[in-house]
Amino acid sequence: MADSPILVLSTLELSDAQRAKLTGLSERIELAVQPANKVEEIPEDIWNTVEVLFTTSLLPDPELVPHLKWIQLYSAGVNRYVDHP
């Protein structure tokens, strides 16, 4: 649905300015900031609804993120993730 919220999950801490910039892109964006190093550190209800993931290297199994549409890595070079489901 065009008016439904878009849940963006950042597994990195974001400054207030970064948070404002992200949420200012659209009224539909709901930003969840959950600094984590392991998939298990993120609540399952967030994984179940997240559409956009901003992370350094934390990649959940596809079954855990049924609505995931976009992964933005905070690093250069994604070669090590090419074979990740």
Protein backbone atom coordinates (compact mmCIF):
# COMPACT_ATOMS: atom_id res chain seq x y z
CA MET A 1 0.00 0.00 0.00
CA ALA A 2 1.37 3.40 -0.99
CA ASP A 3 0.65 5.03 2.37
CA SER A 4 1.96 2.27 4.61
CA PRO A 5 5.04 2.88 6.75
CA ILE A 6 8.48 1.78 5.60
CA LEU A 7 10.53 0.35 8.45
CA VAL A 8 14.22 1.18 8.12
CA LEU A 9 16.52 -0.66 10.52
CA SER A 10 20.01 0.58 11.28
CA THR A 11 22.29 -1.76 13.16
CA LEU A 12 24.68 1.17 13.58
CA GLU A 13 24.30 4.05 15.98
CA LEU A 14 23.24 7.21 14.13
CA SER A 15 23.70 10.81 15.15
CA ASP A 16 20.67 13.05 15.63
CA ALA A 17 21.50 14.75 12.33
CA GLN A 18 21.66 11.42 10.49
CA ARG A 19 18.37 10.32 12.01
CA ALA A 20 16.71 13.60 11.03
CA LYS A 21 18.02 13.35 7.49
CA LEU A 22 16.67 9.82 7.07
CA THR A 23 13.27 10.45 8.59
CA GLY A 24 13.01 13.73 6.69
CA LEU A 25 13.06 11.89 3.36
CA SER A 26 9.48 10.73 3.74
CA GLU A 27 6.69 10.79 6.29
CA ARG A 28 6.36 7.04 5.69
CA ILE A 29 9.79 6.21 7.11
CA GLU A 30 9.86 4.64 10.55
CA LEU A 31 13.45 4.43 11.75
CA ALA A 32 14.57 1.75 14.18
CA VAL A 33 18.12 2.11 15.46
CA GLN A 34 19.30 -1.09 17.14
CA PRO A 35 23.10 -1.23 17.37
CA ALA A 36 23.98 -4.92 17.16
CA ASN A 37 26.71 -7.35 16.20
CA LYS A 38 24.54 -10.47 16.05
CA VAL A 39 21.20 -11.20 14.42
CA GLU A 40 19.88 -12.46 17.78
CA GLU A 41 20.32 -8.98 19.31
CA ILE A 42 17.51 -7.58 17.15
CA PRO A 43 13.93 -8.36 18.28
CA GLU A 44 12.12 -10.77 15.99
CA ASP A 45 9.18 -8.39 15.52
CA ILE A 46 11.56 -5.85 13.95
CA TRP A 47 13.09 -8.43 11.62
CA ASN A 48 9.59 -9.50 10.62
CA THR A 49 8.61 -6.01 9.44
CA VAL A 50 11.87 -4.38 8.27
CA GLU A 51 11.99 -3.34 4.60
CA VAL A 52 15.35 -1.53 4.53
CA LEU A 53 18.45 -2.66 6.41
CA PHE A 54 21.46 -0.37 6.99
CA THR A 55 24.35 -2.37 8.41
CA THR A 56 28.07 -3.08 8.26
CA SER A 57 27.92 -6.86 8.04
CA LEU A 58 24.86 -8.14 9.89
CA LEU A 59 22.80 -10.18 7.43
CA PRO A 60 19.84 -12.25 8.65
CA ASP A 61 18.61 -15.40 6.96
CA PRO A 62 15.92 -14.60 4.38
CA GLU A 63 13.21 -16.46 6.35
CA LEU A 64 13.65 -13.98 9.21
CA VAL A 65 13.03 -10.91 7.02
CA PRO A 66 10.02 -11.63 4.79
CA HIS A 67 9.52 -7.95 3.88
CA LEU A 68 13.17 -6.98 3.30
CA LYS A 69 13.61 -5.17 -0.02
CA TRP A 70 16.89 -3.32 0.32
CA ILE A 71 20.20 -3.78 2.12
CA GLN A 72 22.54 -0.82 2.35
CA LEU A 73 26.01 -1.76 3.57
CA TYR A 74 28.14 0.80 5.37
CA SER A 75 31.30 -0.34 3.66
CA ALA A 76 33.01 -0.50 0.31
CA GLY A 77 33.16 -3.79 -1.47
CA VAL A 78 30.44 -6.36 -1.09
CA ASN A 79 32.25 -9.29 -2.68
CA ARG A 80 32.11 -11.35 0.49
CA TYR A 81 28.30 -11.19 0.43
CA VAL A 82 27.71 -12.17 -3.19
CA ASP A 83 26.84 -15.78 -2.28
CA HIS A 84 24.80 -14.91 0.81
CA PRO A 85 21.13 -15.75 0.35
